[in-house]
């Protein structure tokens, strides 16, 4: 039974990614990447974590994408035959942005340590 549940969840995730990529026609969104879709055990909710390729104005774009949640759910209902079609919620995935900030901080720290080491060698 658990195997069927995982297959259905995987299928829901693939369909949501496909709908976002191919059926939503909002030019202001740009390229939307669906990183992960987490479906609740009772199929009530599907949380889709998304990022935008250009990374600019992400918070405005996620609000525009949230306006399409009903369309995505109805399109999903046409593609998959299950008793309860999940309510789709789009969530901005900021892990890539956080990772870039951490990498920048580490690079700055490494540069500062190298400068400190070179100044000690000169003394």
PDB file of N, CA and C in Angstrom:
ATOM      1  N   UNK A   1       0.822  -1.196   0.000  1.00  0.00           N
ATOM      2  CA  UNK A   1       0.000   0.000   0.000  1.00  0.00           C
ATOM      3  C   UNK A   1       0.858   1.249   0.000  1.00  0.00           C
ATOM      4  N   UNK A   2       1.953   1.225   0.753  1.00  0.00           N
ATOM      5  CA  UNK A   2       2.823   2.395   0.814  1.00  0.00           C
ATOM      6  C   UNK A   2       3.467   2.654  -0.540  1.00  0.00           C
ATOM      7  N   UNK A   3       3.740   1.589  -1.275  1.00  0.00           N
ATOM      8  CA  UNK A   3       4.350   1.748  -2.593  1.00  0.00           C
ATOM      9  C   UNK A   3       3.411   2.500  -3.529  1.00  0.00           C
ATOM     10  N   UNK A   4       2.130   2.190  -3.491  1.00  0.00           N
ATOM     11  CA  UNK A   4       1.149   2.884  -4.320  1.00  0.00           C
ATOM     12  C   UNK A   4       1.076   4.354  -3.933  1.00  0.00           C
ATOM     13  N   UNK A   5       1.092   4.619  -2.640  1.00  0.00           N
ATOM     14  CA  UNK A   5       1.031   5.988  -2.149  1.00  0.00           C
ATOM     15  C   UNK A   5       2.215   6.810  -2.659  1.00  0.00           C
ATOM     16  N   UNK A   6       3.396   6.233  -2.607  1.00  0.00           N
ATOM     17  CA  UNK A   6       4.590   6.945  -3.088  1.00  0.00           C
ATOM     18  C   UNK A   6       4.527   7.174  -4.592  1.00  0.00           C
ATOM     19  N   UNK A   7       4.005   6.202  -5.328  1.00  0.00           N
ATOM     20  CA  UNK A   7       3.877   6.374  -6.783  1.00  0.00           C
ATOM     21  C   UNK A   7       2.897   7.490  -7.119  1.00  0.00           C
ATOM     22  N   UNK A   8       1.785   7.543  -6.400  1.00  0.00           N
ATOM     23  CA  UNK A   8       0.785   8.594  -6.643  1.00  0.00           C
ATOM     24  C   UNK A   8       1.376   9.956  -6.313  1.00  0.00           C
ATOM     25  N   UNK A   9       2.100  10.057  -5.195  1.00  0.00           N
ATOM     26  CA  UNK A   9       2.724  11.324  -4.823  1.00  0.00           C
ATOM     27  C   UNK A   9       3.745  11.760  -5.869  1.00  0.00           C
ATOM     28  N   UNK A  10       4.528  10.818  -6.359  1.00  0.00           N
ATOM     29  CA  UNK A  10       5.511  11.132  -7.394  1.00  0.00           C
ATOM     30  C   UNK A  10       4.824  11.598  -8.679  1.00  0.00           C
ATOM     31  N   UNK A  11       3.747  10.937  -9.025  1.00  0.00           N
ATOM     32  CA  UNK A  11       2.992  11.298 -10.221  1.00  0.00           C
ATOM     33  C   UNK A  11       2.386  12.694 -10.088  1.00  0.00           C
ATOM     34  N   UNK A  12       1.850  13.012  -8.922  1.00  0.00           N
ATOM     35  CA  UNK A  12       1.295  14.347  -8.678  1.00  0.00           C
ATOM     36  C   UNK A  12       2.399  15.399  -8.850  1.00  0.00           C
ATOM     37  N   UNK A  13       3.566  15.134  -8.295  1.00  0.00           N
ATOM     38  CA  UNK A  13       4.686  16.067  -8.420  1.00  0.00           C
ATOM     39  C   UNK A  13       5.093  16.286  -9.861  1.00  0.00           C
ATOM     40  N   UNK A  14       5.173  15.200 -10.623  1.00  0.00           N
ATOM     41  CA  UNK A  14       5.549  15.328 -12.038  1.00  0.00           C
ATOM     42  C   UNK A  14       4.506  16.108 -12.825  1.00  0.00           C
ATOM     43  N   UNK A  15       3.232  15.844 -12.554  1.00  0.00           N
ATOM     44  CA  UNK A  15       2.175  16.557 -13.264  1.00  0.00           C
ATOM     45  C   UNK A  15       2.171  18.046 -12.919  1.00  0.00           C
ATOM     46  N   UNK A  16       2.362  18.375 -11.660  1.00  0.00           N
ATOM     47  CA  UNK A  16       2.399  19.794 -11.276  1.00  0.00           C
ATOM     48  C   UNK A  16       3.554  20.492 -11.976  1.00  0.00           C
ATOM     49  N   UNK A  17       4.722  19.868 -11.999  1.00  0.00           N
ATOM     50  CA  UNK A  17       5.878  20.458 -12.688  1.00  0.00           C
ATOM     51  C   UNK A  17       5.588  20.634 -14.172  1.00  0.00           C
ATOM     52  N   UNK A  18       4.939  19.654 -14.769  1.00  0.00           N
ATOM     53  CA  UNK A  18       4.602  19.727 -16.187  1.00  0.00           C
ATOM     54  C   UNK A  18       3.593  20.840 -16.459  1.00  0.00           C
ATOM     55  N   UNK A  19       2.602  20.975 -15.607  1.00  0.00           N
ATOM     56  CA  UNK A  19       1.587  22.023 -15.783  1.00  0.00           C
ATOM     57  C   UNK A  19       2.226  23.405 -15.667  1.00  0.00           C
ATOM     58  N   UNK A  20       3.077  23.578 -14.667  1.00  0.00           N
ATOM     59  CA  UNK A  20       3.736  24.875 -14.477  1.00  0.00           C
ATOM     60  C   UNK A  20       4.624  25.201 -15.675  1.00  0.00           C
ATOM     61  N   UNK A  21       5.339  24.206 -16.163  1.00  0.00           N
ATOM     62  CA  UNK A  21       6.274  24.433 -17.258  1.00  0.00           C
ATOM     63  C   UNK A  21       5.567  24.671 -18.598  1.00  0.00           C
ATOM     64  N   UNK A  22       4.471  23.937 -18.861  1.00  0.00           N
ATOM     65  CA  UNK A  22       3.892  23.959 -20.197  1.00  0.00           C
ATOM     66  C   UNK A  22       2.541  24.647 -20.335  1.00  0.00           C
ATOM     67  N   UNK A  23       1.780  24.777 -19.270  1.00  0.00           N
ATOM     68  CA  UNK A  23       0.417  25.282 -19.415  1.00  0.00           C
ATOM     69  C   UNK A  23       0.195  26.686 -18.878  1.00  0.00           C
ATOM     70  N   UNK A  24       1.008  27.138 -17.962  1.00  0.00           N
ATOM     71  CA  UNK A  24       0.833  28.482 -17.418  1.00  0.00           C
ATOM     72  C   UNK A  24       1.494  29.467 -18.371  1.00  0.00           C
ATOM     73  N   UNK A  25       0.715  30.377 -18.879  1.00  0.00           N
ATOM     74  CA  UNK A  25       1.200  31.346 -19.870  1.00  0.00           C
ATOM     75  C   UNK A  25       1.172  32.750 -19.292  1.00  0.00           C
ATOM     76  N   UNK A  26       2.073  33.018 -18.373  1.00  0.00           N
ATOM     77  CA  UNK A  26       2.213  34.365 -17.808  1.00  0.00           C
ATOM     78  C   UNK A  26       3.620  34.833 -18.157  1.00  0.00           C
ATOM     79  N   UNK A  27       3.739  35.783 -19.072  1.00  0.00           N
ATOM     80  CA  UNK A  27       5.073  36.195 -19.523  1.00  0.00           C
ATOM     81  C   UNK A  27       5.934  36.822 -18.434  1.00  0.00           C
ATOM     82  N   UNK A  28       5.343  37.396 -17.428  1.00  0.00           N
ATOM     83  CA  UNK A  28       6.108  38.036 -16.368  1.00  0.00           C
ATOM     84  C   UNK A  28       6.805  37.057 -15.441  1.00  0.00           C
ATOM     85  N   UNK A  29       6.407  35.784 -15.484  1.00  0.00           N
ATOM     86  CA  UNK A  29       7.006  34.789 -14.595  1.00  0.00           C
ATOM     87  C   UNK A  29       8.392  34.352 -15.045  1.00  0.00           C
ATOM     88  N   UNK A  30       8.616  34.337 -16.335  1.00  0.00           N
ATOM     89  CA  UNK A  30       9.883  33.826 -16.829  1.00  0.00           C
ATOM     90  C   UNK A  30       9.903  32.309 -16.708  1.00  0.00           C
ATOM     91  N   UNK A  31      11.086  31.760 -16.486  1.00  0.00           N
ATOM     92  CA  UNK A  31      11.220  30.313 -16.372  1.00  0.00           C
ATOM     93  C   UNK A  31      11.091  29.914 -14.904  1.00  0.00           C
ATOM     94  N   UNK A  32      10.128  29.049 -14.635  1.00  0.00           N
ATOM     95  CA  UNK A  32       9.849  28.591 -13.277  1.00  0.00           C
ATOM     96  C   UNK A  32      10.387  27.170 -13.133  1.00  0.00           C
ATOM     97  N   UNK A  33      11.161  26.941 -12.094  1.00  0.00           N
ATOM     98  CA  UNK A  33      11.695  25.608 -11.812  1.00  0.00           C
ATOM     99  C   UNK A  33      10.992  25.054 -10.578  1.00  0.00           C
ATOM    100  N   UNK A  34      10.360  23.911 -10.726  1.00  0.00           N
ATOM    101  CA  UNK A  34       9.723  23.241  -9.590  1.00  0.00           C
ATOM    102  C   UNK A  34      10.774  22.309  -9.002  1.00  0.00           C
ATOM    103  N   UNK A  35      11.289  22.654  -7.824  1.00  0.00           N
ATOM    104  CA  UNK A  35      12.363  21.887  -7.208  1.00  0.00           C
ATOM    105  C   UNK A  35      11.862  20.640  -6.503  1.00  0.00           C
ATOM    106  N   UNK A  36      10.744  20.764  -5.819  1.00  0.00           N
ATOM    107  CA  UNK A  36      10.220  19.634  -5.055  1.00  0.00           C
ATOM    108  C   UNK A  36       8.736  19.835  -4.828  1.00  0.00           C
ATOM    109  N   UNK A  37       8.011  18.737  -4.809  1.00  0.00           N
ATOM    110  CA  UNK A  37       6.591  18.766  -4.479  1.00  0.00           C
ATOM    111  C   UNK A  37       6.371  17.778  -3.347  1.00  0.00           C
ATOM    112  N   UNK A  38       5.832  18.280  -2.231  1.00  0.00           N
ATOM    113  CA  UNK A  38       5.544  17.433  -1.077  1.00  0.00           C
ATOM    114  C   UNK A  38       4.029  17.320  -0.948  1.00  0.00           C
ATOM    115  N   UNK A  39       3.548  16.091  -1.020  1.00  0.00           N
ATOM    116  CA  UNK A  39       2.111  15.828  -0.964  1.00  0.00           C
ATOM    117  C   UNK A  39       1.776  15.257   0.406  1.00  0.00           C
ATOM    118  N   UNK A  40       0.717  15.774   1.024  1.00  0.00           N
ATOM    119  CA  UNK A  40       0.305  15.262   2.335  1.00  0.00           C
ATOM    120  C   UNK A  40      -0.183  13.818   2.191  1.00  0.00           C
ATOM    121  N   UNK A  41      -0.172  13.101   3.288  1.00  0.00           N
ATOM    122  CA  UNK A  41      -0.542  11.682   3.273  1.00  0.00           C
ATOM    123  C   UNK A  41      -1.983  11.445   2.819  1.00  0.00           C
ATOM    124  N   UNK A  42      -2.872  12.377   3.111  1.00  0.00           N
ATOM    125  CA  UNK A  42      -4.267  12.214   2.714  1.00  0.00           C
ATOM    126  C   UNK A  42      -4.588  12.925   1.390  1.00  0.00           C
ATOM    127  N   UNK A  43      -3.562  13.373   0.689  1.00  0.00           N
ATOM    128  CA  UNK A  43      -3.691  14.059  -0.615  1.00  0.00           C
ATOM    129  C   UNK A  43      -4.490  15.356  -0.541  1.00  0.00           C
ATOM    130  N   UNK A  44      -4.536  15.980   0.623  1.00  0.00           N
ATOM    131  CA  UNK A  44      -5.257  17.241   0.751  1.00  0.00           C
ATOM    132  C   UNK A  44      -4.463  18.406   0.177  1.00  0.00           C
ATOM    133  N   UNK A  45      -3.157  18.377   0.373  1.00  0.00           N
ATOM    134  CA  UNK A  45      -2.305  19.491  -0.048  1.00  0.00           C
ATOM    135  C   UNK A  45      -1.093  18.981  -0.800  1.00  0.00           C
ATOM    136  N   UNK A  46      -0.661  19.787  -1.751  1.00  0.00           N
ATOM    137  CA  UNK A  46       0.587  19.544  -2.461  1.00  0.00           C
ATOM    138  C   UNK A  46       1.365  20.854  -2.423  1.00  0.00           C
ATOM    139  N   UNK A  47       2.460  20.867  -1.685  1.00  0.00           N
ATOM    140  CA  UNK A  47       3.300  22.059  -1.580  1.00  0.00           C
ATOM    141  C   UNK A  47       4.388  21.975  -2.629  1.00  0.00           C
ATOM    142  N   UNK A  48       4.368  22.904  -3.574  1.00  0.00           N
ATOM    143  CA  UNK A  48       5.347  22.932  -4.653  1.00  0.00           C
ATOM    144  C   UNK A  48       6.373  24.024  -4.358  1.00  0.00           C
ATOM    145  N   UNK A  49       7.614  23.618  -4.163  1.00  0.00           N
ATOM    146  CA  UNK A  49       8.703  24.558  -3.895  1.00  0.00           C
ATOM    147  C   UNK A  49       9.312  24.956  -5.228  1.00  0.00           C
ATOM    148  N   UNK A  50       9.270  26.263  -5.528  1.00  0.00           N
ATOM    149  CA  UNK A  50       9.695  26.751  -6.837  1.00  0.00           C
ATOM    150  C   UNK A  50      10.777  27.823  -6.709  1.00  0.00           C
ATOM    151  N   UNK A  51      11.568  27.927  -7.760  1.00  0.00           N
ATOM    152  CA  UNK A  51      12.512  29.030  -7.921  1.00  0.00           C
ATOM    153  C   UNK A  51      12.328  29.588  -9.317  1.00  0.00           C
ATOM    154  N   UNK A  52      12.825  30.780  -9.510  1.00  0.00           N
ATOM    155  CA  UNK A  52      12.739  31.443 -10.801  1.00  0.00           C
ATOM    156  C   UNK A  52      14.143  31.579 -11.360  1.00  0.00           C
ATOM    157  N   UNK A  53      14.296  31.296 -12.634  1.00  0.00           N
ATOM    158  CA  UNK A  53      15.626  31.208 -13.228  1.00  0.00           C
ATOM    159  C   UNK A  53      16.404  32.510 -13.127  1.00  0.00           C
ATOM    160  N   UNK A  54      15.755  33.644 -13.376  1.00  0.00           N
ATOM    161  CA  UNK A  54      16.497  34.908 -13.327  1.00  0.00           C
ATOM    162  C   UNK A  54      16.708  35.403 -11.897  1.00  0.00           C
ATOM    163  N   UNK A  55      15.886  34.972 -10.957  1.00  0.00           N
ATOM    164  CA  UNK A  55      16.062  35.321  -9.555  1.00  0.00           C
ATOM    165  C   UNK A  55      15.650  36.733  -9.178  1.00  0.00           C
ATOM    166  N   UNK A  56      15.251  37.540 -10.135  1.00  0.00           N
ATOM    167  CA  UNK A  56      14.843  38.915  -9.836  1.00  0.00           C
ATOM    168  C   UNK A  56      13.350  38.957  -9.530  1.00  0.00           C
ATOM    169  N   UNK A  57      12.994  39.791  -8.590  1.00  0.00           N
ATOM    170  CA  UNK A  57      11.590  40.016  -8.229  1.00  0.00           C
ATOM    171  C   UNK A  57      10.873  38.715  -7.873  1.00  0.00           C
ATOM    172  N   UNK A  58      11.558  37.830  -7.199  1.00  0.00           N
ATOM    173  CA  UNK A  58      10.998  36.514  -6.883  1.00  0.00           C
ATOM    174  C   UNK A  58       9.732  36.600  -6.050  1.00  0.00           C
ATOM    175  N   UNK A  59       9.675  37.539  -5.124  1.00  0.00           N
ATOM    176  CA  UNK A  59       8.499  37.627  -4.258  1.00  0.00           C
ATOM    177  C   UNK A  59       7.269  38.102  -5.026  1.00  0.00           C
ATOM    178  N   UNK A  60       7.451  38.990  -6.004  1.00  0.00           N
ATOM    179  CA  UNK A  60       6.318  39.399  -6.834  1.00  0.00           C
ATOM    180  C   UNK A  60       5.886  38.252  -7.751  1.00  0.00           C
ATOM    181  N   UNK A  61       6.872  37.499  -8.257  1.00  0.00           N
ATOM    182  CA  UNK A  61       6.548  36.404  -9.163  1.00  0.00           C
ATOM    183  C   UNK A  61       5.834  35.269  -8.433  1.00  0.00           C
ATOM    184  N   UNK A  62       6.217  35.017  -7.203  1.00  0.00           N
ATOM    185  CA  UNK A  62       5.537  33.942  -6.468  1.00  0.00           C
ATOM    186  C   UNK A  62       4.089  34.334  -6.189  1.00  0.00           C
ATOM    187  N   UNK A  63       3.833  35.614  -5.979  1.00  0.00           N
ATOM    188  CA  UNK A  63       2.448  36.064  -5.791  1.00  0.00           C
ATOM    189  C   UNK A  63       1.643  35.875  -7.079  1.00  0.00           C
ATOM    190  N   UNK A  64       2.259  36.130  -8.224  1.00  0.00           N
ATOM    191  CA  UNK A  64       1.581  35.897  -9.508  1.00  0.00           C
ATOM    192  C   UNK A  64       1.318  34.408  -9.709  1.00  0.00           C
ATOM    193  N   UNK A  65       2.294  33.581  -9.333  1.00  0.00           N
ATOM    194  CA  UNK A  65       2.136  32.140  -9.482  1.00  0.00           C
ATOM    195  C   UNK A  65       1.049  31.608  -8.549  1.00  0.00           C
ATOM    196  N   UNK A  66       0.924  32.199  -7.370  1.00  0.00           N
ATOM    197  CA  UNK A  66      -0.112  31.763  -6.426  1.00  0.00           C
ATOM    198  C   UNK A  66      -1.513  32.009  -6.983  1.00  0.00           C
ATOM    199  N   UNK A  67      -1.647  32.978  -7.870  1.00  0.00           N
ATOM    200  CA  UNK A  67      -2.950  33.246  -8.484  1.00  0.00           C
ATOM    201  C   UNK A  67      -3.381  32.125  -9.423  1.00  0.00           C
ATOM    202  N   UNK A  68      -2.450  31.257  -9.818  1.00  0.00           N
ATOM    203  CA  UNK A  68      -2.765  30.165 -10.734  1.00  0.00           C
ATOM    204  C   UNK A  68      -3.018  28.844 -10.019  1.00  0.00           C
ATOM    205  N   UNK A  69      -3.039  28.841  -8.676  1.00  0.00           N
ATOM    206  CA  UNK A  69      -3.191  27.591  -7.926  1.00  0.00           C
ATOM    207  C   UNK A  69      -4.476  26.847  -8.294  1.00  0.00           C
ATOM    208  N   UNK A  70      -5.568  27.564  -8.475  1.00  0.00           N
ATOM    209  CA  UNK A  70      -6.835  26.928  -8.860  1.00  0.00           C
ATOM    210  C   UNK A  70      -6.762  26.310 -10.238  1.00  0.00           C
ATOM    211  N   UNK A  71      -6.133  27.017 -11.177  1.00  0.00           N
ATOM    212  CA  UNK A  71      -5.958  26.479 -12.529  1.00  0.00           C
ATOM    213  C   UNK A  71      -5.122  25.211 -12.505  1.00  0.00           C
ATOM    214  N   UNK A  72      -4.041  25.230 -11.724  1.00  0.00           N
ATOM    215  CA  UNK A  72      -3.163  24.064 -11.644  1.00  0.00           C
ATOM    216  C   UNK A  72      -3.917  22.879 -11.051  1.00  0.00           C
ATOM    217  N   UNK A  73      -4.729  23.126 -10.039  1.00  0.00           N
ATOM    218  CA  UNK A  73      -5.498  22.043  -9.421  1.00  0.00           C
ATOM    219  C   UNK A  73      -6.516  21.461 -10.399  1.00  0.00           C
ATOM    220  N   UNK A  74      -7.205  22.314 -11.145  1.00  0.00           N
ATOM    221  CA  UNK A  74      -8.199  21.805 -12.092  1.00  0.00           C
ATOM    222  C   UNK A  74      -7.529  21.057 -13.241  1.00  0.00           C
ATOM    223  N   UNK A  75      -6.383  21.534 -13.676  1.00  0.00           N
ATOM    224  CA  UNK A  75      -5.649  20.840 -14.724  1.00  0.00           C
ATOM    225  C   UNK A  75      -5.117  19.498 -14.220  1.00  0.00           C
ATOM    226  N   UNK A  76      -4.689  19.461 -12.966  1.00  0.00           N
ATOM    227  CA  UNK A  76      -4.228  18.223 -12.347  1.00  0.00           C
ATOM    228  C   UNK A  76      -5.372  17.216 -12.243  1.00  0.00           C
ATOM    229  N   UNK A  77      -6.561  17.700 -11.936  1.00  0.00           N
ATOM    230  CA  UNK A  77      -7.730  16.821 -11.820  1.00  0.00           C
ATOM    231  C   UNK A  77      -8.057  16.156 -13.154  1.00  0.00           C
ATOM    232  N   UNK A  78      -7.787  16.843 -14.255  1.00  0.00           N
ATOM    233  CA  UNK A  78      -8.032  16.268 -15.578  1.00  0.00           C
ATOM    234  C   UNK A  78      -6.992  15.208 -15.934  1.00  0.00           C
ATOM    235  N   UNK A  79      -5.804  15.310 -15.360  1.00  0.00           N
ATOM    236  CA  UNK A  79      -4.715  14.409 -15.722  1.00  0.00           C
ATOM    237  C   UNK A  79      -4.641  13.161 -14.858  1.00  0.00           C
ATOM    238  N   UNK A  80      -5.086  13.244 -13.621  1.00  0.00           N
ATOM    239  CA  UNK A  80      -4.910  12.131 -12.685  1.00  0.00           C
ATOM    240  C   UNK A  80      -6.270  11.707 -12.142  1.00  0.00           C
ATOM    241  N   UNK A  81      -6.458  10.420 -12.001  1.00  0.00           N
ATOM    242  CA  UNK A  81      -7.732   9.888 -11.547  1.00  0.00           C
ATOM    243  C   UNK A  81      -7.599   9.387 -10.111  1.00  0.00           C
ATOM    244  N   UNK A  82      -7.759  10.311  -9.171  1.00  0.00           N
ATOM    245  CA  UNK A  82      -7.772   9.943  -7.761  1.00  0.00           C
ATOM    246  C   UNK A  82      -8.999  10.582  -7.120  1.00  0.00           C
ATOM    247  N   UNK A  83      -9.367  10.042  -5.976  1.00  0.00           N
ATOM    248  CA  UNK A  83     -10.583  10.498  -5.303  1.00  0.00           C
ATOM    249  C   UNK A  83     -10.478  11.951  -4.867  1.00  0.00           C
ATOM    250  N   UNK A  84      -9.349  12.321  -4.279  1.00  0.00           N
ATOM    251  CA  UNK A  84      -9.182  13.675  -3.770  1.00  0.00           C
ATOM    252  C   UNK A  84      -7.986  14.320  -4.462  1.00  0.00           C
ATOM    253  N   UNK A  85      -8.248  15.379  -5.214  1.00  0.00           N
ATOM    254  CA  UNK A  85      -7.165  16.114  -5.878  1.00  0.00           C
ATOM    255  C   UNK A  85      -6.640  17.146  -4.888  1.00  0.00           C
ATOM    256  N   UNK A  86      -5.326  17.169  -4.668  1.00  0.00           N
ATOM    257  CA  UNK A  86      -4.788  18.074  -3.637  1.00  0.00           C
ATOM    258  C   UNK A  86      -4.886  19.541  -4.009  1.00  0.00           C
ATOM    259  N   UNK A  87      -5.023  20.359  -2.984  1.00  0.00           N
ATOM    260  CA  UNK A  87      -4.964  21.809  -3.151  1.00  0.00           C
ATOM    261  C   UNK A  87      -3.493  22.155  -3.308  1.00  0.00           C
ATOM    262  N   UNK A  88      -3.160  22.830  -4.387  1.00  0.00           N
ATOM    263  CA  UNK A  88      -1.763  23.141  -4.698  1.00  0.00           C
ATOM    264  C   UNK A  88      -1.391  24.474  -4.053  1.00  0.00           C
ATOM    265  N   UNK A  89      -0.241  24.477  -3.373  1.00  0.00           N
ATOM    266  CA  UNK A  89       0.289  25.705  -2.772  1.00  0.00           C
ATOM    267  C   UNK A  89       1.713  25.888  -3.276  1.00  0.00           C
ATOM    268  N   UNK A  90       1.990  27.076  -3.804  1.00  0.00           N
ATOM    269  CA  UNK A  90       3.336  27.385  -4.286  1.00  0.00           C
ATOM    270  C   UNK A  90       4.114  28.101  -3.198  1.00  0.00           C
ATOM    271  N   UNK A  91       5.338  27.642  -2.966  1.00  0.00           N
ATOM    272  CA  UNK A  91       6.202  28.198  -1.941  1.00  0.00           C
ATOM    273  C   UNK A  91       7.539  28.531  -2.586  1.00  0.00           C
ATOM    274  N   UNK A  92       8.028  29.733  -2.328  1.00  0.00           N
ATOM    275  CA  UNK A  92       9.315  30.152  -2.878  1.00  0.00           C
ATOM    276  C   UNK A  92      10.435  29.400  -2.180  1.00  0.00           C
ATOM    277  N   UNK A  93      11.233  28.682  -2.943  1.00  0.00           N
ATOM    278  CA  UNK A  93      12.349  27.909  -2.402  1.00  0.00           C
ATOM    279  C   UNK A  93      13.586  28.797  -2.406  1.00  0.00           C
ATOM    280  N   UNK A  94      14.006  29.179  -1.229  1.00  0.00           N
ATOM    281  CA  UNK A  94      15.128  30.105  -1.114  1.00  0.00           C
ATOM    282  C   UNK A  94      16.435  29.413  -0.729  1.00  0.00           C
ATOM    283  N   UNK A  95      16.513  28.109  -0.885  1.00  0.00           N
ATOM    284  CA  UNK A  95      17.739  27.409  -0.499  1.00  0.00           C
ATOM    285  C   UNK A  95      18.916  27.797  -1.377  1.00  0.00           C
ATOM    286  N   UNK A  96      18.687  27.996  -2.661  1.00  0.00           N
ATOM    287  CA  UNK A  96      19.786  28.389  -3.553  1.00  0.00           C
ATOM    288  C   UNK A  96      20.294  29.784  -3.194  1.00  0.00           C
ATOM    289  N   UNK A  97      19.378  30.675  -2.867  1.00  0.00           N
ATOM    290  CA  UNK A  97      19.762  32.024  -2.464  1.00  0.00           C
ATOM    291  C   UNK A  97      20.538  31.995  -1.152  1.00  0.00           C
ATOM    292  N   UNK A  98      20.084  31.181  -0.218  1.00  0.00           N
ATOM    293  CA  UNK A  98      20.789  31.053   1.061  1.00  0.00           C
ATOM    294  C   UNK A  98      22.174  30.456   0.864  1.00  0.00           C
ATOM    295  N   UNK A  99      22.278  29.469   0.001  1.00  0.00           N
ATOM    296  CA  UNK A  99      23.574  28.852  -0.269  1.00  0.00           C
ATOM    297  C   UNK A  99      24.533  29.858  -0.905  1.00  0.00           C
ATOM    298  N   UNK A 100      24.036  30.709  -1.782  1.00  0.00           N
ATOM    299  CA  UNK A 100      24.885  31.732  -2.406  1.00  0.00           C
ATOM    300  C   UNK A 100      25.381  32.725  -1.361  1.00  0.00           C
ATOM    301  N   UNK A 101      24.506  33.091  -0.410  1.00  0.00           N
ATOM    302  CA  UNK A 101      24.928  34.004   0.658  1.00  0.00           C
ATOM    303  C   UNK A 101      25.999  33.372   1.542  1.00  0.00           C
ATOM    304  N   UNK A 102      25.847  32.108   1.862  1.00  0.00           N
ATOM    305  CA  UNK A 102      26.835  31.420   2.692  1.00  0.00           C
ATOM    306  C   UNK A 102      28.162  31.320   1.950  1.00  0.00           C
ATOM    307  N   UNK A 103      28.112  30.972   0.674  1.00  0.00           N
ATOM    308  CA  UNK A 103      29.342  30.878  -0.118  1.00  0.00           C
ATOM    309  C   UNK A 103      30.047  32.221  -0.208  1.00  0.00           C
ATOM    310  N   UNK A 104      29.290  33.299  -0.377  1.00  0.00           N
ATOM    311  CA  UNK A 104      29.886  34.631  -0.439  1.00  0.00           C
ATOM    312  C   UNK A 104      30.550  34.987   0.893  1.00  0.00           C
ATOM    313  N   UNK A 105      29.899  34.661   1.990  1.00  0.00           N
ATOM    314  CA  UNK A 105      30.474  34.942   3.312  1.00  0.00           C
ATOM    315  C   UNK A 105      31.742  34.127   3.540  1.00  0.00           C
ATOM    316  N   UNK A 106      31.739  32.869   3.122  1.00  0.00           N
ATOM    317  CA  UNK A 106      32.930  32.029   3.270  1.00  0.00           C
ATOM    318  C   UNK A 106      34.077  32.532   2.403  1.00  0.00           C
ATOM    319  N   UNK A 107      33.759  32.967   1.192  1.00  0.00           N
ATOM    320  CA  UNK A 107      34.803  33.496   0.309  1.00  0.00           C
ATOM    321  C   UNK A 107      35.406  34.770   0.892  1.00  0.00           C
ATOM    322  N   UNK A 108      34.571  35.627   1.468  1.00  0.00           N
ATOM    323  CA  UNK A 108      35.062  36.854   2.091  1.00  0.00           C
ATOM    324  C   UNK A 108      35.942  36.519   3.286  1.00  0.00           C
ATOM    325  N   UNK A 109      35.529  35.557   4.088  1.00  0.00           N
ATOM    326  CA  UNK A 109      36.308  35.149   5.260  1.00  0.00           C
ATOM    327  C   UNK A 109      37.657  34.564   4.830  1.00  0.00           C
ATOM    328  N   UNK A 110      37.635  33.764   3.780  1.00  0.00           N
ATOM    329  CA  UNK A 110      38.885  33.178   3.278  1.00  0.00           C
ATOM    330  C   UNK A 110      39.821  34.261   2.759  1.00  0.00           C
ATOM    331  N   UNK A 111      39.274  35.249   2.091  1.00  0.00           N
ATOM    332  CA  UNK A 111      40.081  36.369   1.580  1.00  0.00           C
ATOM    333  C   UNK A 111      40.675  37.162   2.743  1.00  0.00           C
ATOM    334  N   UNK A 112      39.867  37.408   3.776  1.00  0.00           N
ATOM    335  CA  UNK A 112      40.355  38.133   4.955  1.00  0.00           C
ATOM    336  C   UNK A 112      41.460  37.359   5.668  1.00  0.00           C
ATOM    337  N   UNK A 113      41.306  36.048   5.793  1.00  0.00           N
ATOM    338  CA  UNK A 113      42.330  35.231   6.432  1.00  0.00           C
ATOM    339  C   UNK A 113      43.627  35.211   5.619  1.00  0.00           C
ATOM    340  N   UNK A 114      43.507  35.167   4.296  1.00  0.00           N
ATOM    341  CA  UNK A 114      44.688  35.192   3.437  1.00  0.00           C
ATOM    342  C   UNK A 114      45.401  36.540   3.577  1.00  0.00           C
ATOM    343  N   UNK A 115      44.628  37.631   3.636  1.00  0.00           N
ATOM    344  CA  UNK A 115      45.240  38.947   3.800  1.00  0.00           C
ATOM    345  C   UNK A 115      45.926  39.054   5.164  1.00  0.00           C
ATOM    346  N   UNK A 116      45.326  38.512   6.189  1.00  0.00           N
ATOM    347  CA  UNK A 116      45.911  38.525   7.520  1.00  0.00           C
ATOM    348  C   UNK A 116      47.195  37.694   7.566  1.00  0.00           C
ATOM    349  N   UNK A 117      47.180  36.541   6.925  1.00  0.00           N
ATOM    350  CA  UNK A 117      48.371  35.680   6.889  1.00  0.00           C
ATOM    351  C   UNK A 117      49.511  36.356   6.127  1.00  0.00           C
ATOM    352  N   UNK A 118      49.191  37.026   5.025  1.00  0.00           N
ATOM    353  CA  UNK A 118      50.243  37.691   4.246  1.00  0.00           C
ATOM    354  C   UNK A 118      50.798  38.897   5.004  1.00  0.00           C
ATOM    355  N   UNK A 119      49.962  39.569   5.790  1.00  0.00           N
ATOM    356  CA  UNK A 119      50.455  40.705   6.566  1.00  0.00           C
ATOM    357  C   UNK A 119      51.366  40.233   7.707  1.00  0.00           C
ATOM    358  N   UNK A 120      51.084  39.046   8.263  1.00  0.00           N
ATOM    359  CA  UNK A 120      51.929  38.506   9.321  1.00  0.00           C
ATOM    360  C   UNK A 120      53.279  38.039   8.752  1.00  0.00           C
ATOM    361  N   UNK A 121      53.287  37.554   7.529  1.00  0.00           N
ATOM    362  CA  UNK A 121      54.534  37.134   6.902  1.00  0.00           C
ATOM    363  C   UNK A 121      55.450  38.324   6.617  1.00  0.00           C
ATOM    364  N   UNK A 122      54.849  39.468   6.318  1.00  0.00           N
ATOM    365  CA  UNK A 122      55.632  40.663   6.020  1.00  0.00           C
ATOM    366  C   UNK A 122      56.299  41.208   7.286  1.00  0.00           C
ATOM    367  N   UNK A 123      55.717  40.956   8.433  1.00  0.00           N
ATOM    368  CA  UNK A 123      56.271  41.496   9.701  1.00  0.00           C
ATOM    369  C   UNK A 123      57.474  40.758  10.142  1.00  0.00           C
TER     370      UNK A 123
END
